[in-house]
Amino acid sequence: MFMTVSVVILVAIAVGLVRAFIGPTLYDRVMAANMVGTLTVLMVAVLGFMTGRPEFLDIALVYVLISFVSTIAVLRVYAIRKSIADRHTRESGKR
């Protein structure tokens, strides 16, 4: 049962990685990376449950927090860079 769940999660991670590499936009890539992060947390939780080690859930919680913060940071940096580029384009067009 757990092996089947693990295989399904690994296949979903592989699909997410493919999407992260071929995504046409940054948002597609970030969403795919976020999906891979979430599935990794799920995999760590399943592994902890299979081995009977509840401390793996603590590791999974830390990883999900890191994944969430990094996703927000990447999107924030992209938004700032885009607004700076837009402002620069508008200013150069006025001259």
N, C-alpha and C. Protein backbone atom coordinates (compact mmCIF):
# COMPACT_ATOMS: atom_id res chain seq x y z
N MET A 1 0.82 -1.20 0.00
CA MET A 1 0.00 0.00 0.00
C MET A 1 0.86 1.26 0.00
N PHE A 2 1.82 1.34 0.94
CA PHE A 2 2.66 2.53 1.02
C PHE A 2 3.61 2.62 -0.17
N MET A 3 4.01 1.48 -0.70
CA MET A 3 4.88 1.50 -1.87
C MET A 3 4.13 2.08 -3.07
N THR A 4 2.86 1.74 -3.19
CA THR A 4 2.05 2.27 -4.28
C THR A 4 1.91 3.78 -4.15
N VAL A 5 1.65 4.25 -2.94
CA VAL A 5 1.54 5.68 -2.69
C VAL A 5 2.86 6.38 -3.00
N SER A 6 3.96 5.76 -2.60
CA SER A 6 5.29 6.35 -2.86
C SER A 6 5.57 6.44 -4.36
N VAL A 7 5.21 5.42 -5.09
CA VAL A 7 5.43 5.44 -6.54
C VAL A 7 4.58 6.52 -7.20
N VAL A 8 3.33 6.64 -6.79
CA VAL A 8 2.45 7.67 -7.35
C VAL A 8 3.00 9.07 -7.05
N ILE A 9 3.49 9.27 -5.84
CA ILE A 9 4.07 10.57 -5.47
C ILE A 9 5.31 10.85 -6.31
N LEU A 10 6.16 9.85 -6.50
CA LEU A 10 7.37 10.04 -7.30
C LEU A 10 7.04 10.35 -8.76
N VAL A 11 6.00 9.71 -9.30
CA VAL A 11 5.59 10.01 -10.67
C VAL A 11 5.08 11.46 -10.75
N ALA A 12 4.31 11.88 -9.76
CA ALA A 12 3.81 13.26 -9.74
C ALA A 12 4.95 14.26 -9.61
N ILE A 13 5.98 13.93 -8.83
CA ILE A 13 7.15 14.79 -8.71
C ILE A 13 7.86 14.89 -10.06
N ALA A 14 7.97 13.77 -10.78
CA ALA A 14 8.62 13.78 -12.09
C ALA A 14 7.84 14.66 -13.07
N VAL A 15 6.51 14.57 -13.03
CA VAL A 15 5.69 15.42 -13.90
C VAL A 15 5.88 16.89 -13.55
N GLY A 16 5.94 17.18 -12.26
CA GLY A 16 6.17 18.56 -11.82
C GLY A 16 7.53 19.09 -12.25
N LEU A 17 8.54 18.25 -12.20
CA LEU A 17 9.87 18.68 -12.64
C LEU A 17 9.90 18.94 -14.14
N VAL A 18 9.22 18.11 -14.90
CA VAL A 18 9.13 18.34 -16.34
C VAL A 18 8.46 19.68 -16.60
N ARG A 19 7.39 19.95 -15.89
CA ARG A 19 6.67 21.22 -16.06
C ARG A 19 7.53 22.40 -15.64
N ALA A 20 8.33 22.21 -14.61
CA ALA A 20 9.21 23.29 -14.15
C ALA A 20 10.27 23.62 -15.19
N PHE A 21 10.73 22.63 -15.92
CA PHE A 21 11.77 22.88 -16.92
C PHE A 21 11.22 23.42 -18.24
N ILE A 22 10.00 23.01 -18.62
CA ILE A 22 9.48 23.44 -19.92
C ILE A 22 8.39 24.50 -19.80
N GLY A 23 8.11 24.96 -18.59
CA GLY A 23 7.06 25.95 -18.42
C GLY A 23 7.31 27.19 -19.24
N PRO A 24 6.31 27.67 -19.95
CA PRO A 24 6.56 28.83 -20.82
C PRO A 24 6.75 30.14 -20.06
N THR A 25 6.17 30.26 -18.87
CA THR A 25 6.31 31.49 -18.11
C THR A 25 6.92 31.20 -16.75
N LEU A 26 7.35 32.25 -16.11
CA LEU A 26 7.92 32.11 -14.77
C LEU A 26 6.88 31.58 -13.79
N TYR A 27 5.64 32.02 -13.95
CA TYR A 27 4.59 31.59 -13.03
C TYR A 27 4.34 30.08 -13.14
N ASP A 28 4.40 29.54 -14.34
CA ASP A 28 4.27 28.09 -14.50
C ASP A 28 5.40 27.36 -13.80
N ARG A 29 6.59 27.89 -13.94
CA ARG A 29 7.75 27.25 -13.31
C ARG A 29 7.67 27.32 -11.78
N VAL A 30 7.24 28.46 -11.27
CA VAL A 30 7.14 28.61 -9.81
C VAL A 30 6.05 27.70 -9.26
N MET A 31 4.92 27.62 -9.96
CA MET A 31 3.86 26.73 -9.50
C MET A 31 4.29 25.28 -9.53
N ALA A 32 5.04 24.89 -10.56
CA ALA A 32 5.54 23.52 -10.63
C ALA A 32 6.54 23.25 -9.51
N ALA A 33 7.41 24.22 -9.24
CA ALA A 33 8.36 24.04 -8.14
C ALA A 33 7.64 23.96 -6.80
N ASN A 34 6.59 24.74 -6.64
CA ASN A 34 5.80 24.67 -5.42
C ASN A 34 5.11 23.32 -5.29
N MET A 35 4.63 22.78 -6.41
CA MET A 35 4.00 21.46 -6.39
C MET A 35 5.02 20.39 -6.01
N VAL A 36 6.23 20.49 -6.56
CA VAL A 36 7.27 19.52 -6.22
C VAL A 36 7.61 19.62 -4.73
N GLY A 37 7.66 20.83 -4.21
CA GLY A 37 7.92 21.00 -2.78
C GLY A 37 6.84 20.38 -1.92
N THR A 38 5.59 20.59 -2.30
CA THR A 38 4.47 20.01 -1.56
C THR A 38 4.50 18.48 -1.62
N LEU A 39 4.78 17.94 -2.79
CA LEU A 39 4.84 16.49 -2.92
C LEU A 39 6.04 15.91 -2.17
N THR A 40 7.12 16.66 -2.08
CA THR A 40 8.26 16.21 -1.29
C THR A 40 7.90 16.14 0.19
N VAL A 41 7.16 17.12 0.66
CA VAL A 41 6.69 17.10 2.04
C VAL A 41 5.79 15.89 2.27
N LEU A 42 4.91 15.62 1.33
CA LEU A 42 4.05 14.45 1.43
C LEU A 42 4.86 13.16 1.46
N MET A 43 5.90 13.11 0.62
CA MET A 43 6.76 11.92 0.58
C MET A 43 7.49 11.73 1.90
N VAL A 44 8.00 12.80 2.49
CA VAL A 44 8.68 12.71 3.79
C VAL A 44 7.70 12.25 4.86
N ALA A 45 6.46 12.75 4.82
CA ALA A 45 5.47 12.34 5.80
C ALA A 45 5.12 10.86 5.65
N VAL A 46 4.96 10.39 4.41
CA VAL A 46 4.68 8.97 4.17
C VAL A 46 5.85 8.11 4.63
N LEU A 47 7.06 8.57 4.33
CA LEU A 47 8.24 7.82 4.76
C LEU A 47 8.32 7.74 6.29
N GLY A 48 8.00 8.85 6.96
CA GLY A 48 7.98 8.84 8.42
C GLY A 48 6.92 7.90 8.97
N PHE A 49 5.77 7.87 8.31
CA PHE A 49 4.71 6.97 8.75
C PHE A 49 5.09 5.51 8.52
N MET A 50 5.74 5.25 7.38
CA MET A 50 6.13 3.87 7.06
C MET A 50 7.18 3.35 8.04
N THR A 51 8.11 4.20 8.43
CA THR A 51 9.18 3.76 9.32
C THR A 51 8.83 3.91 10.79
N GLY A 52 7.70 4.52 11.08
CA GLY A 52 7.29 4.67 12.47
C GLY A 52 8.09 5.73 13.21
N ARG A 53 8.56 6.75 12.49
CA ARG A 53 9.35 7.81 13.10
C ARG A 53 8.60 9.13 12.97
N PRO A 54 7.91 9.55 14.01
CA PRO A 54 7.10 10.77 13.93
C PRO A 54 7.92 12.05 13.79
N GLU A 55 9.21 11.99 14.08
CA GLU A 55 10.02 13.21 13.94
C GLU A 55 10.18 13.63 12.48
N PHE A 56 9.87 12.74 11.55
CA PHE A 56 9.90 13.11 10.13
C PHE A 56 8.84 14.17 9.82
N LEU A 57 7.77 14.18 10.60
CA LEU A 57 6.74 15.19 10.39
C LEU A 57 7.26 16.58 10.74
N ASP A 58 8.14 16.67 11.73
CA ASP A 58 8.76 17.95 12.05
C ASP A 58 9.63 18.43 10.89
N ILE A 59 10.36 17.51 10.29
CA ILE A 59 11.19 17.85 9.14
C ILE A 59 10.29 18.30 7.98
N ALA A 60 9.18 17.63 7.80
CA ALA A 60 8.25 17.99 6.72
C ALA A 60 7.67 19.39 6.95
N LEU A 61 7.34 19.72 8.19
CA LEU A 61 6.81 21.05 8.48
C LEU A 61 7.83 22.15 8.21
N VAL A 62 9.07 21.91 8.59
CA VAL A 62 10.12 22.89 8.32
C VAL A 62 10.31 23.06 6.82
N TYR A 63 10.30 21.96 6.10
CA TYR A 63 10.48 22.02 4.65
C TYR A 63 9.33 22.77 3.97
N VAL A 64 8.11 22.57 4.43
CA VAL A 64 6.97 23.26 3.82
C VAL A 64 7.04 24.76 4.10
N LEU A 65 7.53 25.15 5.27
CA LEU A 65 7.69 26.57 5.55
C LEU A 65 8.76 27.19 4.66
N ILE A 66 9.86 26.49 4.48
CA ILE A 66 10.93 26.98 3.59
C ILE A 66 10.41 27.08 2.16
N SER A 67 9.66 26.10 1.72
CA SER A 67 9.12 26.10 0.36
C SER A 67 8.16 27.27 0.16
N PHE A 68 7.32 27.53 1.13
CA PHE A 68 6.36 28.62 1.03
C PHE A 68 7.06 29.98 0.97
N VAL A 69 8.02 30.18 1.86
CA VAL A 69 8.74 31.45 1.90
C VAL A 69 9.54 31.67 0.62
N SER A 70 10.16 30.62 0.11
CA SER A 70 10.94 30.78 -1.11
C SER A 70 10.05 31.06 -2.32
N THR A 71 8.87 30.48 -2.37
CA THR A 71 7.93 30.76 -3.46
C THR A 71 7.50 32.23 -3.43
N ILE A 72 7.16 32.72 -2.26
CA ILE A 72 6.77 34.12 -2.11
C ILE A 72 7.94 35.04 -2.48
N ALA A 73 9.15 34.68 -2.06
CA ALA A 73 10.32 35.51 -2.34
C ALA A 73 10.61 35.59 -3.84
N VAL A 74 10.53 34.47 -4.53
CA VAL A 74 10.79 34.46 -5.98
C VAL A 74 9.76 35.32 -6.70
N LEU A 75 8.50 35.18 -6.35
CA LEU A 75 7.46 35.98 -7.02
C LEU A 75 7.60 37.46 -6.68
N ARG A 76 8.01 37.76 -5.46
CA ARG A 76 8.20 39.16 -5.06
C ARG A 76 9.36 39.79 -5.84
N VAL A 77 10.47 39.08 -5.97
CA VAL A 77 11.61 39.59 -6.72
C VAL A 77 11.22 39.80 -8.18
N TYR A 78 10.50 38.86 -8.75
CA TYR A 78 10.06 39.00 -10.14
C TYR A 78 9.16 40.22 -10.31
N ALA A 79 8.24 40.43 -9.38
CA ALA A 79 7.34 41.58 -9.47
C ALA A 79 8.11 42.89 -9.37
N ILE A 80 9.09 42.96 -8.49
CA ILE A 80 9.89 44.18 -8.33
C ILE A 80 10.70 44.44 -9.59
N ARG A 81 11.33 43.39 -10.14
CA ARG A 81 12.12 43.57 -11.36
C ARG A 81 11.24 44.02 -12.53
N LYS A 82 10.03 43.47 -12.60
CA LYS A 82 9.13 43.83 -13.69
C LYS A 82 8.68 45.28 -13.55
N SER A 83 8.38 45.72 -12.34
CA SER A 83 7.95 47.11 -12.15
C SER A 83 9.09 48.08 -12.45
N ILE A 84 10.32 47.73 -12.11
CA ILE A 84 11.47 48.58 -12.42
C ILE A 84 11.66 48.66 -13.93
N ALA A 85 11.54 47.51 -14.61
CA ALA A 85 11.69 47.50 -16.07
C ALA A 85 10.58 48.31 -16.74
N ASP A 86 9.36 48.20 -16.24
CA ASP A 86 8.25 48.98 -16.80
C ASP A 86 8.46 50.47 -16.59
N ARG A 87 8.92 50.84 -15.41
CA ARG A 87 9.17 52.25 -15.12
C ARG A 87 10.28 52.79 -16.02
N HIS A 88 11.31 51.98 -16.23
CA HIS A 88 12.42 52.40 -17.09
C HIS A 88 11.94 52.56 -18.53
N THR A 89 11.07 51.68 -18.98
CA THR A 89 10.54 51.77 -20.34
C THR A 89 9.68 53.03 -20.51
N ARG A 90 8.85 53.34 -19.52
CA ARG A 90 8.02 54.53 -19.59
C ARG A 90 8.87 55.80 -19.58
N GLU A 91 9.91 55.83 -18.75
CA GLU A 91 10.76 57.01 -18.67
C GLU A 91 11.56 57.21 -19.95
N SER A 92 12.03 56.14 -20.55
CA SER A 92 12.78 56.29 -21.80
C SER A 92 11.88 56.65 -22.95
N GLY A 93 10.62 56.31 -22.89
CA GLY A 93 9.68 56.66 -23.95
C GLY A 93 9.26 58.12 -23.93
N LYS A 94 9.36 58.77 -22.76
CA LYS A 94 8.98 60.17 -22.63
C LYS A 94 10.00 61.11 -23.25
N ARG A 95 11.21 60.67 -23.34
CA ARG A 95 12.28 61.54 -23.83
C ARG A 95 12.26 61.73 -25.28
